[in-house]
PDB file of all heavy atoms in Angstrom:
ATOM      1  N   GLU A   1     -11.199  18.277  13.792  1.00  0.00           N
ATOM      2  CA  GLU A   1     -11.662  16.980  14.268  1.00  0.00           C
ATOM      3  C   GLU A   1     -11.644  15.920  13.106  1.00  0.00           C
ATOM      4  O   GLU A   1     -11.565  14.760  13.321  1.00  0.00           O
ATOM      5  CB  GLU A   1     -13.130  17.170  14.813  1.00  0.00           C
ATOM      6  CG  GLU A   1     -13.217  18.036  16.078  1.00  0.00           C
ATOM      7  CD  GLU A   1     -14.584  18.040  16.575  1.00  0.00           C
ATOM      8  OE1 GLU A   1     -15.488  17.487  15.899  1.00  0.00           O
ATOM      9  OE2 GLU A   1     -14.830  18.681  17.554  1.00  0.00           O
ATOM     10  N   ILE A   2     -11.643  16.506  11.833  1.00  0.00           N
ATOM     11  CA  ILE A   2     -11.690  15.646  10.754  1.00  0.00           C
ATOM     12  C   ILE A   2     -10.367  15.549  10.031  1.00  0.00           C
ATOM     13  O   ILE A   2      -9.805  16.578   9.730  1.00  0.00           O
ATOM     14  CB  ILE A   2     -12.838  16.042   9.769  1.00  0.00           C
ATOM     15  CG1 ILE A   2     -14.285  16.095  10.499  1.00  0.00           C
ATOM     16  CG2 ILE A   2     -12.885  15.156   8.520  1.00  0.00           C
ATOM     17  CD1 ILE A   2     -15.319  16.633   9.634  1.00  0.00           C
ATOM     18  N   SER A   3      -9.892  14.306   9.731  1.00  0.00           N
ATOM     19  CA  SER A   3      -8.686  14.183   9.018  1.00  0.00           C
ATOM     20  C   SER A   3      -9.014  14.115   7.487  1.00  0.00           C
ATOM     21  O   SER A   3      -9.947  13.528   7.041  1.00  0.00           O
ATOM     22  CB  SER A   3      -7.948  12.959   9.451  1.00  0.00           C
ATOM     23  OG  SER A   3      -6.827  12.724   8.595  1.00  0.00           O
ATOM     24  N   PRO A   4      -8.097  14.757   6.617  1.00  0.00           N
ATOM     25  CA  PRO A   4      -8.358  14.637   5.251  1.00  0.00           C
ATOM     26  C   PRO A   4      -7.952  13.314   4.516  1.00  0.00           C
ATOM     27  O   PRO A   4      -8.131  13.068   3.473  1.00  0.00           O
ATOM     28  CB  PRO A   4      -7.403  15.735   4.706  1.00  0.00           C
ATOM     29  CG  PRO A   4      -6.260  15.907   5.719  1.00  0.00           C
ATOM     30  CD  PRO A   4      -6.968  15.702   7.006  1.00  0.00           C
ATOM     31  N   THR A   5      -7.415  12.420   5.439  1.00  0.00           N
ATOM     32  CA  THR A   5      -7.057  11.136   4.966  1.00  0.00           C
ATOM     33  C   THR A   5      -7.767  10.006   5.812  1.00  0.00           C
ATOM     34  O   THR A   5      -7.987  10.313   6.995  1.00  0.00           O
ATOM     35  CB  THR A   5      -5.552  10.888   4.917  1.00  0.00           C
ATOM     36  OG1 THR A   5      -5.068  11.001   6.378  1.00  0.00           O
ATOM     37  CG2 THR A   5      -4.808  11.910   4.126  1.00  0.00           C
ATOM     38  N   PRO A   6      -7.940   8.848   5.285  1.00  0.00           N
ATOM     39  CA  PRO A   6      -8.433   7.706   6.124  1.00  0.00           C
ATOM     40  C   PRO A   6      -7.463   7.378   7.129  1.00  0.00           C
ATOM     41  O   PRO A   6      -6.346   7.658   7.076  1.00  0.00           O
ATOM     42  CB  PRO A   6      -8.555   6.496   5.099  1.00  0.00           C
ATOM     43  CG  PRO A   6      -8.601   7.269   3.737  1.00  0.00           C
ATOM     44  CD  PRO A   6      -7.755   8.393   3.818  1.00  0.00           C
ATOM     45  N   ARG A   7      -7.966   6.693   8.248  1.00  0.00           N
ATOM     46  CA  ARG A   7      -7.151   6.317   9.365  1.00  0.00           C
ATOM     47  C   ARG A   7      -5.979   5.371   8.873  1.00  0.00           C
ATOM     48  O   ARG A   7      -6.086   4.478   8.051  1.00  0.00           O
ATOM     49  CB  ARG A   7      -7.887   5.488  10.364  1.00  0.00           C
ATOM     50  CG  ARG A   7      -7.090   5.051  11.531  1.00  0.00           C
ATOM     51  CD  ARG A   7      -8.019   4.330  12.620  1.00  0.00           C
ATOM     52  NE  ARG A   7      -7.311   3.823  13.759  1.00  0.00           N
ATOM     53  CZ  ARG A   7      -6.716   2.615  13.872  1.00  0.00           C
ATOM     54  NH1 ARG A   7      -6.991   1.672  12.808  1.00  0.00           N
ATOM     55  NH2 ARG A   7      -6.066   2.292  14.881  1.00  0.00           N
ATOM     56  N   ALA A   8      -4.795   5.742   9.330  1.00  0.00           N
ATOM     57  CA  ALA A   8      -3.574   5.042   8.870  1.00  0.00           C
ATOM     58  C   ALA A   8      -3.482   3.760   9.813  1.00  0.00           C
ATOM     59  O   ALA A   8      -2.677   3.530  10.571  1.00  0.00           O
ATOM     60  CB  ALA A   8      -2.374   5.913   9.006  1.00  0.00           C
ATOM     61  N   ARG A   9      -4.296   2.743   9.496  1.00  0.00           N
ATOM     62  CA  ARG A   9      -4.337   1.501  10.201  1.00  0.00           C
ATOM     63  C   ARG A   9      -3.256   0.528   9.832  1.00  0.00           C
ATOM     64  O   ARG A   9      -2.589   0.677   8.805  1.00  0.00           O
ATOM     65  CB  ARG A   9      -5.772   0.819   9.934  1.00  0.00           C
ATOM     66  CG  ARG A   9      -5.937   0.483   8.501  1.00  0.00           C
ATOM     67  CD  ARG A   9      -7.255  -0.274   8.272  1.00  0.00           C
ATOM     68  NE  ARG A   9      -7.448  -0.723   6.831  1.00  0.00           N
ATOM     69  CZ  ARG A   9      -6.827  -1.709   6.368  1.00  0.00           C
ATOM     70  NH1 ARG A   9      -6.161  -2.637   7.051  1.00  0.00           N
ATOM     71  NH2 ARG A   9      -7.094  -1.963   4.990  1.00  0.00           N
ATOM     72  N   ASN A  10      -3.064  -0.467  10.738  1.00  0.00           N
ATOM     73  CA  ASN A  10      -2.121  -1.419  10.342  1.00  0.00           C
ATOM     74  C   ASN A  10      -2.811  -2.428   9.429  1.00  0.00           C
ATOM     75  O   ASN A  10      -3.970  -2.639   9.408  1.00  0.00           O
ATOM     76  CB  ASN A  10      -1.754  -2.202  11.666  1.00  0.00           C
ATOM     77  CG  ASN A  10      -0.645  -1.532  12.462  1.00  0.00           C
ATOM     78  OD1 ASN A  10       0.292  -1.034  11.876  1.00  0.00           O
ATOM     79  ND2 ASN A  10      -0.960  -1.392  13.770  1.00  0.00           N
ATOM     80  N   LEU A  11      -1.996  -3.110   8.620  1.00  0.00           N
ATOM     81  CA  LEU A  11      -2.491  -4.155   7.690  1.00  0.00           C
ATOM     82  C   LEU A  11      -2.501  -5.506   8.488  1.00  0.00           C
ATOM     83  O   LEU A  11      -1.638  -5.720   9.259  1.00  0.00           O
ATOM     84  CB  LEU A  11      -1.512  -4.286   6.429  1.00  0.00           C
ATOM     85  CG  LEU A  11      -1.481  -3.071   5.546  1.00  0.00           C
ATOM     86  CD1 LEU A  11      -0.435  -3.504   4.378  1.00  0.00           C
ATOM     87  CD2 LEU A  11      -2.778  -2.772   5.086  1.00  0.00           C
ATOM     88  N   ILE A  12      -3.391  -6.390   8.138  1.00  0.00           N
ATOM     89  CA  ILE A  12      -3.319  -7.735   8.634  1.00  0.00           C
ATOM     90  C   ILE A  12      -2.631  -8.575   7.626  1.00  0.00           C
ATOM     91  O   ILE A  12      -2.578  -8.263   6.334  1.00  0.00           O
ATOM     92  CB  ILE A  12      -4.809  -8.318   8.938  1.00  0.00           C
ATOM     93  CG1 ILE A  12      -5.618  -8.263   7.718  1.00  0.00           C
ATOM     94  CG2 ILE A  12      -5.425  -7.402  10.068  1.00  0.00           C
ATOM     95  CD1 ILE A  12      -6.955  -8.909   7.903  1.00  0.00           C
ATOM     96  N   PRO A  13      -1.919  -9.669   8.030  1.00  0.00           N
ATOM     97  CA  PRO A  13      -1.124 -10.485   7.031  1.00  0.00           C
ATOM     98  C   PRO A  13      -1.883 -10.834   5.789  1.00  0.00           C
ATOM     99  O   PRO A  13      -1.332 -10.917   4.714  1.00  0.00           O
ATOM    100  CB  PRO A  13      -0.750 -11.622   7.913  1.00  0.00           C
ATOM    101  CG  PRO A  13      -0.631 -11.093   9.238  1.00  0.00           C
ATOM    102  CD  PRO A  13      -1.715 -10.117   9.366  1.00  0.00           C
ATOM    103  N   GLU A  14      -3.237 -11.081   5.970  1.00  0.00           N
ATOM    104  CA  GLU A  14      -3.938 -11.597   4.748  1.00  0.00           C
ATOM    105  C   GLU A  14      -4.137 -10.538   3.713  1.00  0.00           C
ATOM    106  O   GLU A  14      -4.491 -10.871   2.560  1.00  0.00           O
ATOM    107  CB  GLU A  14      -5.404 -12.083   5.257  1.00  0.00           C
ATOM    108  CG  GLU A  14      -5.301 -13.422   6.117  1.00  0.00           C
ATOM    109  CD  GLU A  14      -4.913 -13.078   7.595  1.00  0.00           C
ATOM    110  OE1 GLU A  14      -4.875 -11.953   7.955  1.00  0.00           O
ATOM    111  OE2 GLU A  14      -4.615 -14.110   8.243  1.00  0.00           O
ATOM    112  N   GLU A  15      -3.897  -9.349   4.112  1.00  0.00           N
ATOM    113  CA  GLU A  15      -4.053  -8.177   3.049  1.00  0.00           C
ATOM    114  C   GLU A  15      -2.846  -7.991   2.218  1.00  0.00           C
ATOM    115  O   GLU A  15      -2.957  -7.412   1.056  1.00  0.00           O
ATOM    116  CB  GLU A  15      -4.464  -6.920   3.769  1.00  0.00           C
ATOM    117  CG  GLU A  15      -5.660  -6.736   4.487  1.00  0.00           C
ATOM    118  CD  GLU A  15      -5.843  -5.452   5.160  1.00  0.00           C
ATOM    119  OE1 GLU A  15      -5.403  -5.231   6.296  1.00  0.00           O
ATOM    120  OE2 GLU A  15      -6.492  -4.590   4.523  1.00  0.00           O
ATOM    121  N   HIS A  16      -1.768  -8.401   2.628  1.00  0.00           N
ATOM    122  CA  HIS A  16      -0.525  -8.162   1.899  1.00  0.00           C
ATOM    123  C   HIS A  16      -0.539  -8.610   0.444  1.00  0.00           C
ATOM    124  O   HIS A  16      -0.150  -7.883  -0.410  1.00  0.00           O
ATOM    125  CB  HIS A  16       0.705  -8.875   2.683  1.00  0.00           C
ATOM    126  CG  HIS A  16       1.104  -8.259   3.859  1.00  0.00           C
ATOM    127  ND1 HIS A  16       2.336  -8.168   4.409  1.00  0.00           N
ATOM    128  CD2 HIS A  16       0.267  -7.481   4.861  1.00  0.00           C
ATOM    129  CE1 HIS A  16       2.404  -7.626   5.572  1.00  0.00           C
ATOM    130  NE2 HIS A  16       1.175  -7.215   5.869  1.00  0.00           N
ATOM    131  N   ALA A  17      -1.067  -9.803   0.219  1.00  0.00           N
ATOM    132  CA  ALA A  17      -1.013 -10.322  -1.190  1.00  0.00           C
ATOM    133  C   ALA A  17      -1.858  -9.517  -2.120  1.00  0.00           C
ATOM    134  O   ALA A  17      -1.686  -9.572  -3.306  1.00  0.00           O
ATOM    135  CB  ALA A  17      -1.498 -11.781  -1.109  1.00  0.00           C
ATOM    136  N   ASN A  18      -2.863  -8.782  -1.615  1.00  0.00           N
ATOM    137  CA  ASN A  18      -3.878  -8.098  -2.502  1.00  0.00           C
ATOM    138  C   ASN A  18      -3.821  -6.627  -2.411  1.00  0.00           C
ATOM    139  O   ASN A  18      -4.585  -5.869  -2.890  1.00  0.00           O
ATOM    140  CB  ASN A  18      -5.315  -8.579  -2.087  1.00  0.00           C
ATOM    141  CG  ASN A  18      -5.505 -10.152  -2.406  1.00  0.00           C
ATOM    142  OD1 ASN A  18      -5.165 -10.689  -3.338  1.00  0.00           O
ATOM    143  ND2 ASN A  18      -6.083 -10.701  -1.378  1.00  0.00           N
ATOM    144  N   ILE A  19      -2.686  -6.087  -1.813  1.00  0.00           N
ATOM    145  CA  ILE A  19      -2.521  -4.668  -1.581  1.00  0.00           C
ATOM    146  C   ILE A  19      -2.196  -3.971  -2.880  1.00  0.00           C
ATOM    147  O   ILE A  19      -2.407  -2.751  -3.019  1.00  0.00           O
ATOM    148  CB  ILE A  19      -1.632  -4.366  -0.470  1.00  0.00           C
ATOM    149  CG1 ILE A  19      -1.869  -3.029   0.163  1.00  0.00           C
ATOM    150  CG2 ILE A  19      -0.164  -4.419  -0.914  1.00  0.00           C
ATOM    151  CD1 ILE A  19      -3.152  -2.880   0.974  1.00  0.00           C
ATOM    152  N   ILE A  20      -1.555  -4.621  -3.878  1.00  0.00           N
ATOM    153  CA  ILE A  20      -1.073  -4.024  -5.015  1.00  0.00           C
ATOM    154  C   ILE A  20      -2.098  -4.190  -6.111  1.00  0.00           C
ATOM    155  O   ILE A  20      -2.567  -5.311  -6.360  1.00  0.00           O
ATOM    156  CB  ILE A  20       0.217  -4.539  -5.443  1.00  0.00           C
ATOM    157  CG1 ILE A  20       1.373  -4.396  -4.494  1.00  0.00           C
ATOM    158  CG2 ILE A  20       0.724  -3.875  -6.805  1.00  0.00           C
ATOM    159  CD1 ILE A  20       1.652  -2.991  -4.145  1.00  0.00           C
ATOM    160  N   ASP A  21      -2.511  -3.112  -6.762  1.00  0.00           N
ATOM    161  CA  ASP A  21      -3.333  -3.281  -8.012  1.00  0.00           C
ATOM    162  C   ASP A  21      -2.537  -3.377  -9.186  1.00  0.00           C
ATOM    163  O   ASP A  21      -2.143  -2.415  -9.843  1.00  0.00           O
ATOM    164  CB  ASP A  21      -4.347  -2.080  -8.005  1.00  0.00           C
ATOM    165  CG  ASP A  21      -5.364  -2.194  -9.166  1.00  0.00           C
ATOM    166  OD1 ASP A  21      -5.322  -2.974  -9.977  1.00  0.00           O
ATOM    167  OD2 ASP A  21      -6.270  -1.344  -9.077  1.00  0.00           O
ATOM    168  N   TRP A  22      -2.208  -4.645  -9.472  1.00  0.00           N
ATOM    169  CA  TRP A  22      -1.333  -4.947 -10.599  1.00  0.00           C
ATOM    170  C   TRP A  22      -1.879  -4.502 -11.989  1.00  0.00           C
ATOM    171  O   TRP A  22      -1.078  -4.176 -12.939  1.00  0.00           O
ATOM    172  CB  TRP A  22      -1.071  -6.544 -10.624  1.00  0.00           C
ATOM    173  CG  TRP A  22      -0.393  -7.104  -9.425  1.00  0.00           C
ATOM    174  CD1 TRP A  22      -1.008  -7.724  -8.424  1.00  0.00           C
ATOM    175  CD2 TRP A  22       0.993  -6.805  -8.986  1.00  0.00           C
ATOM    176  NE1 TRP A  22      -0.099  -8.038  -7.381  1.00  0.00           N
ATOM    177  CE2 TRP A  22       1.135  -7.363  -7.710  1.00  0.00           C
ATOM    178  CE3 TRP A  22       2.123  -6.146  -9.500  1.00  0.00           C
ATOM    179  CZ2 TRP A  22       2.304  -7.356  -6.973  1.00  0.00           C
ATOM    180  CZ3 TRP A  22       3.323  -6.159  -8.752  1.00  0.00           C
ATOM    181  CH2 TRP A  22       3.351  -6.791  -7.541  1.00  0.00           C
ATOM    182  N   GLU A  23      -3.073  -4.526 -12.072  1.00  0.00           N
ATOM    183  CA  GLU A  23      -3.632  -4.204 -13.461  1.00  0.00           C
ATOM    184  C   GLU A  23      -3.783  -2.656 -13.740  1.00  0.00           C
ATOM    185  O   GLU A  23      -3.804  -2.298 -14.896  1.00  0.00           O
ATOM    186  CB  GLU A  23      -5.110  -4.884 -13.507  1.00  0.00           C
ATOM    187  CG  GLU A  23      -5.045  -6.345 -13.465  1.00  0.00           C
ATOM    188  CD  GLU A  23      -4.381  -6.990 -14.603  1.00  0.00           C
ATOM    189  OE1 GLU A  23      -4.249  -6.414 -15.681  1.00  0.00           O
ATOM    190  OE2 GLU A  23      -3.597  -7.975 -14.412  1.00  0.00           O
ATOM    191  N   HIS A  24      -3.827  -1.782 -12.709  1.00  0.00           N
ATOM    192  CA  HIS A  24      -4.081  -0.401 -12.948  1.00  0.00           C
ATOM    193  C   HIS A  24      -2.913   0.504 -12.522  1.00  0.00           C
ATOM    194  O   HIS A  24      -2.799   1.622 -12.970  1.00  0.00           O
ATOM    195  CB  HIS A  24      -5.451   0.027 -12.288  1.00  0.00           C
ATOM    196  CG  HIS A  24      -6.518  -0.804 -12.799  1.00  0.00           C
ATOM    197  ND1 HIS A  24      -7.074  -1.904 -12.223  1.00  0.00           N
ATOM    198  CD2 HIS A  24      -7.290  -0.741 -14.020  1.00  0.00           C
ATOM    199  CE1 HIS A  24      -8.038  -2.413 -12.981  1.00  0.00           C
ATOM    200  NE2 HIS A  24      -8.257  -1.659 -13.993  1.00  0.00           N
ATOM    201  N   TRP A  25      -2.151  -0.003 -11.477  1.00  0.00           N
ATOM    202  CA  TRP A  25      -1.167   1.164 -11.003  1.00  0.00           C
ATOM    203  C   TRP A  25       0.055   1.036 -11.962  1.00  0.00           C
ATOM    204  O   TRP A  25       0.397   0.003 -12.417  1.00  0.00           O
ATOM    205  CB  TRP A  25      -0.709   0.586  -9.580  1.00  0.00           C
ATOM    206  CG  TRP A  25      -1.752   0.877  -8.479  1.00  0.00           C
ATOM    207  CD1 TRP A  25      -2.932   1.415  -8.609  1.00  0.00           C
ATOM    208  CD2 TRP A  25      -1.612   0.503  -7.129  1.00  0.00           C
ATOM    209  NE1 TRP A  25      -3.594   1.461  -7.474  1.00  0.00           N
ATOM    210  CE2 TRP A  25      -2.849   0.893  -6.423  1.00  0.00           C
ATOM    211  CE3 TRP A  25      -0.584  -0.079  -6.341  1.00  0.00           C
ATOM    212  CZ2 TRP A  25      -3.061   0.697  -5.083  1.00  0.00           C
ATOM    213  CZ3 TRP A  25      -0.774  -0.255  -4.934  1.00  0.00           C
ATOM    214  CH2 TRP A  25      -1.988   0.155  -4.368  1.00  0.00           C
ATOM    215  N   ASP A  26       0.591   2.285 -12.053  1.00  0.00           N
ATOM    216  CA  ASP A  26       1.764   2.328 -12.928  1.00  0.00           C
ATOM    217  C   ASP A  26       3.076   1.861 -12.229  1.00  0.00           C
ATOM    218  O   ASP A  26       3.054   1.664 -11.062  1.00  0.00           O
ATOM    219  CB  ASP A  26       1.842   3.886 -13.482  1.00  0.00           C
ATOM    220  CG  ASP A  26       2.114   4.882 -12.332  1.00  0.00           C
ATOM    221  OD1 ASP A  26       2.768   4.540 -11.408  1.00  0.00           O
ATOM    222  OD2 ASP A  26       1.669   5.951 -12.476  1.00  0.00           O
ATOM    223  N   ILE A  27       4.121   1.742 -13.003  1.00  0.00           N
ATOM    224  CA  ILE A  27       5.264   1.187 -12.537  1.00  0.00           C
ATOM    225  C   ILE A  27       5.976   1.877 -11.342  1.00  0.00           C
ATOM    226  O   ILE A  27       6.463   1.435 -10.430  1.00  0.00           O
ATOM    227  CB  ILE A  27       6.306   0.837 -13.645  1.00  0.00           C
ATOM    228  CG1 ILE A  27       7.420   0.034 -13.172  1.00  0.00           C
ATOM    229  CG2 ILE A  27       6.647   2.220 -14.331  1.00  0.00           C
ATOM    230  CD1 ILE A  27       8.358  -0.418 -14.296  1.00  0.00           C
ATOM    231  N   GLU A  28       5.941   3.172 -11.535  1.00  0.00           N
ATOM    232  CA  GLU A  28       6.535   4.130 -10.423  1.00  0.00           C
ATOM    233  C   GLU A  28       5.826   3.911  -9.058  1.00  0.00           C
ATOM    234  O   GLU A  28       6.554   3.801  -8.019  1.00  0.00           O
ATOM    235  CB  GLU A  28       6.406   5.624 -10.840  1.00  0.00           C
ATOM    236  CG  GLU A  28       7.370   5.970 -11.969  1.00  0.00           C
ATOM    237  CD  GLU A  28       6.707   5.843 -13.291  1.00  0.00           C
ATOM    238  OE1 GLU A  28       5.641   5.289 -13.409  1.00  0.00           O
ATOM    239  OE2 GLU A  28       7.294   6.273 -14.266  1.00  0.00           O
ATOM    240  N   LYS A  29       4.468   3.867  -9.002  1.00  0.00           N
ATOM    241  CA  LYS A  29       3.824   3.716  -7.775  1.00  0.00           C
ATOM    242  C   LYS A  29       4.079   2.270  -7.204  1.00  0.00           C
ATOM    243  O   LYS A  29       4.396   2.203  -5.961  1.00  0.00           O
ATOM    244  CB  LYS A  29       2.259   3.845  -7.990  1.00  0.00           C
ATOM    245  CG  LYS A  29       1.583   3.619  -6.734  1.00  0.00           C
ATOM    246  CD  LYS A  29       0.008   4.034  -6.786  1.00  0.00           C
ATOM    247  CE  LYS A  29      -0.693   4.019  -5.452  1.00  0.00           C
ATOM    248  NZ  LYS A  29      -2.009   4.551  -5.496  1.00  0.00           N
ATOM    249  N   ILE A  30       4.152   1.231  -8.012  1.00  0.00           N
ATOM    250  CA  ILE A  30       4.415  -0.152  -7.508  1.00  0.00           C
ATOM    251  C   ILE A  30       5.887  -0.213  -6.944  1.00  0.00           C
ATOM    252  O   ILE A  30       6.046  -0.685  -5.942  1.00  0.00           O
ATOM    253  CB  ILE A  30       4.078  -1.229  -8.455  1.00  0.00           C
ATOM    254  CG1 ILE A  30       2.667  -1.331  -8.848  1.00  0.00           C
ATOM    255  CG2 ILE A  30       4.588  -2.504  -8.044  1.00  0.00           C
ATOM    256  CD1 ILE A  30       2.233  -2.079  -9.924  1.00  0.00           C
ATOM    257  N   TRP A  31       6.749   0.372  -7.669  1.00  0.00           N
ATOM    258  CA  TRP A  31       8.233   0.405  -7.470  1.00  0.00           C
ATOM    259  C   TRP A  31       8.359   1.159  -6.005  1.00  0.00           C
ATOM    260  O   TRP A  31       9.063   0.606  -5.144  1.00  0.00           O
ATOM    261  CB  TRP A  31       8.936   0.930  -8.491  1.00  0.00           C
ATOM    262  CG  TRP A  31      10.478   1.078  -8.167  1.00  0.00           C
ATOM    263  CD1 TRP A  31      11.446   0.094  -8.044  1.00  0.00           C
ATOM    264  CD2 TRP A  31      11.112   2.362  -7.792  1.00  0.00           C
ATOM    265  NE1 TRP A  31      12.639   0.671  -7.803  1.00  0.00           N
ATOM    266  CE2 TRP A  31      12.515   2.020  -7.652  1.00  0.00           C
ATOM    267  CE3 TRP A  31      10.773   3.744  -7.779  1.00  0.00           C
ATOM    268  CZ2 TRP A  31      13.488   2.946  -7.323  1.00  0.00           C
ATOM    269  CZ3 TRP A  31      11.739   4.631  -7.530  1.00  0.00           C
ATOM    270  CH2 TRP A  31      13.116   4.264  -7.265  1.00  0.00           C
ATOM    271  N   HIS A  32       7.745   2.316  -5.959  1.00  0.00           N
ATOM    272  CA  HIS A  32       7.722   3.160  -4.696  1.00  0.00           C
ATOM    273  C   HIS A  32       7.308   2.445  -3.458  1.00  0.00           C
ATOM    274  O   HIS A  32       8.077   2.461  -2.507  1.00  0.00           O
ATOM    275  CB  HIS A  32       7.057   4.369  -4.934  1.00  0.00           C
ATOM    276  CG  HIS A  32       7.043   5.401  -3.825  1.00  0.00           C
ATOM    277  ND1 HIS A  32       8.240   6.117  -3.459  1.00  0.00           N
ATOM    278  CD2 HIS A  32       5.973   5.827  -3.051  1.00  0.00           C
ATOM    279  CE1 HIS A  32       7.867   6.811  -2.364  1.00  0.00           C
ATOM    280  NE2 HIS A  32       6.617   6.680  -2.088  1.00  0.00           N
ATOM    281  N   ILE A  33       6.220   1.802  -3.623  1.00  0.00           N
ATOM    282  CA  ILE A  33       5.672   1.062  -2.369  1.00  0.00           C
ATOM    283  C   ILE A  33       6.530  -0.152  -2.048  1.00  0.00           C
ATOM    284  O   ILE A  33       6.806  -0.261  -0.925  1.00  0.00           O
ATOM    285  CB  ILE A  33       4.171   0.659  -2.803  1.00  0.00           C
ATOM    286  CG1 ILE A  33       3.305   1.874  -2.849  1.00  0.00           C
ATOM    287  CG2 ILE A  33       3.642  -0.219  -1.624  1.00  0.00           C
ATOM    288  CD1 ILE A  33       1.916   1.492  -3.312  1.00  0.00           C
ATOM    289  N   LEU A  34       6.812  -0.944  -3.120  1.00  0.00           N
ATOM    290  CA  LEU A  34       7.588  -2.141  -2.704  1.00  0.00           C
ATOM    291  C   LEU A  34       9.037  -1.842  -2.210  1.00  0.00           C
ATOM    292  O   LEU A  34       9.475  -2.567  -1.320  1.00  0.00           O
ATOM    293  CB  LEU A  34       7.720  -3.051  -3.975  1.00  0.00           C
ATOM    294  CG  LEU A  34       6.455  -3.722  -4.541  1.00  0.00           C
ATOM    295  CD1 LEU A  34       6.574  -4.474  -5.683  1.00  0.00           C
ATOM    296  CD2 LEU A  34       5.684  -4.475  -3.347  1.00  0.00           C
ATOM    297  N   ARG A  35       9.589  -0.826  -2.809  1.00  0.00           N
ATOM    298  CA  ARG A  35      10.994  -0.454  -2.356  1.00  0.00           C
ATOM    299  C   ARG A  35      10.907   0.057  -0.936  1.00  0.00           C
ATOM    300  O   ARG A  35      11.795  -0.187  -0.143  1.00  0.00           O
ATOM    301  CB  ARG A  35      11.496   0.601  -3.277  1.00  0.00           C
ATOM    302  CG  ARG A  35      13.059   0.887  -3.148  1.00  0.00           C
ATOM    303  CD  ARG A  35      13.399   1.857  -4.354  1.00  0.00           C
ATOM    304  NE  ARG A  35      14.712   2.485  -4.048  1.00  0.00           N
ATOM    305  CZ  ARG A  35      15.905   1.948  -4.250  1.00  0.00           C
ATOM    306  NH1 ARG A  35      16.040   0.698  -4.657  1.00  0.00           N
ATOM    307  NH2 ARG A  35      16.964   2.664  -3.984  1.00  0.00           N
ATOM    308  N   GLY A  36       9.941   0.891  -0.658  1.00  0.00           N
ATOM    309  CA  GLY A  36       9.823   1.547   0.613  1.00  0.00           C
ATOM    310  C   GLY A  36       9.543   0.446   1.773  1.00  0.00           C
ATOM    311  O   GLY A  36       9.842   0.670   2.873  1.00  0.00           O
ATOM    312  N   THR A  37       8.757  -0.575   1.428  1.00  0.00           N
ATOM    313  CA  THR A  37       8.309  -1.502   2.433  1.00  0.00           C
ATOM    314  C   THR A  37       8.992  -2.871   2.292  1.00  0.00           C
ATOM    315  O   THR A  37       8.416  -3.910   2.765  1.00  0.00           O
ATOM    316  CB  THR A  37       6.810  -1.708   2.426  1.00  0.00           C
ATOM    317  OG1 THR A  37       6.403  -2.117   1.091  1.00  0.00           O
ATOM    318  CG2 THR A  37       6.134  -0.312   2.567  1.00  0.00           C
ATOM    319  N   GLU A  38      10.070  -3.023   1.629  1.00  0.00           N
ATOM    320  CA  GLU A  38      10.714  -4.221   1.238  1.00  0.00           C
ATOM    321  C   GLU A  38      11.057  -5.237   2.362  1.00  0.00           C
ATOM    322  O   GLU A  38      11.119  -6.368   2.364  1.00  0.00           O
ATOM    323  CB  GLU A  38      12.074  -4.049   0.417  1.00  0.00           C
ATOM    324  CG  GLU A  38      13.177  -3.416   1.102  1.00  0.00           C
ATOM    325  CD  GLU A  38      14.471  -3.316   0.212  1.00  0.00           C
ATOM    326  OE1 GLU A  38      14.389  -3.371  -0.989  1.00  0.00           O
ATOM    327  OE2 GLU A  38      15.531  -3.108   0.928  1.00  0.00           O
ATOM    328  N   SER A  39      11.181  -4.616   3.539  1.00  0.00           N
ATOM    329  CA  SER A  39      11.581  -5.359   4.769  1.00  0.00           C
ATOM    330  C   SER A  39      10.513  -6.003   5.457  1.00  0.00           C
ATOM    331  O   SER A  39      10.658  -6.984   6.363  1.00  0.00           O
ATOM    332  CB  SER A  39      12.264  -4.522   5.788  1.00  0.00           C
ATOM    333  OG  SER A  39      11.362  -3.526   6.281  1.00  0.00           O
ATOM    334  N   TRP A  40       9.195  -5.771   5.036  1.00  0.00           N
ATOM    335  CA  TRP A  40       8.111  -6.344   5.815  1.00  0.00           C
ATOM    336  C   TRP A  40       6.803  -6.685   4.983  1.00  0.00           C
ATOM    337  O   TRP A  40       5.988  -7.550   5.276  1.00  0.00           O
ATOM    338  CB  TRP A  40       7.670  -5.580   6.983  1.00  0.00           C
ATOM    339  CG  TRP A  40       7.226  -4.232   6.618  1.00  0.00           C
ATOM    340  CD1 TRP A  40       7.821  -3.015   6.499  1.00  0.00           C
ATOM    341  CD2 TRP A  40       5.758  -3.823   6.393  1.00  0.00           C
ATOM    342  NE1 TRP A  40       6.912  -2.072   6.198  1.00  0.00           N
ATOM    343  CE2 TRP A  40       5.658  -2.432   6.092  1.00  0.00           C
ATOM    344  CE3 TRP A  40       4.556  -4.531   6.447  1.00  0.00           C
ATOM    345  CZ2 TRP A  40       4.533  -1.790   5.853  1.00  0.00           C
ATOM    346  CZ3 TRP A  40       3.397  -3.913   6.142  1.00  0.00           C
ATOM    347  CH2 TRP A  40       3.307  -2.560   5.873  1.00  0.00           C
TER     348      TRP A  40
END
């Protein structure tokens, strides 16, 4: 009944600009996310 991860919800457009933690995430994580989602 319990998922080990939070609900995989959709993002609202206003969230896109702040979804990356530029100050703390390493380059591999940022590259991985941006590359995977580059179309939207």
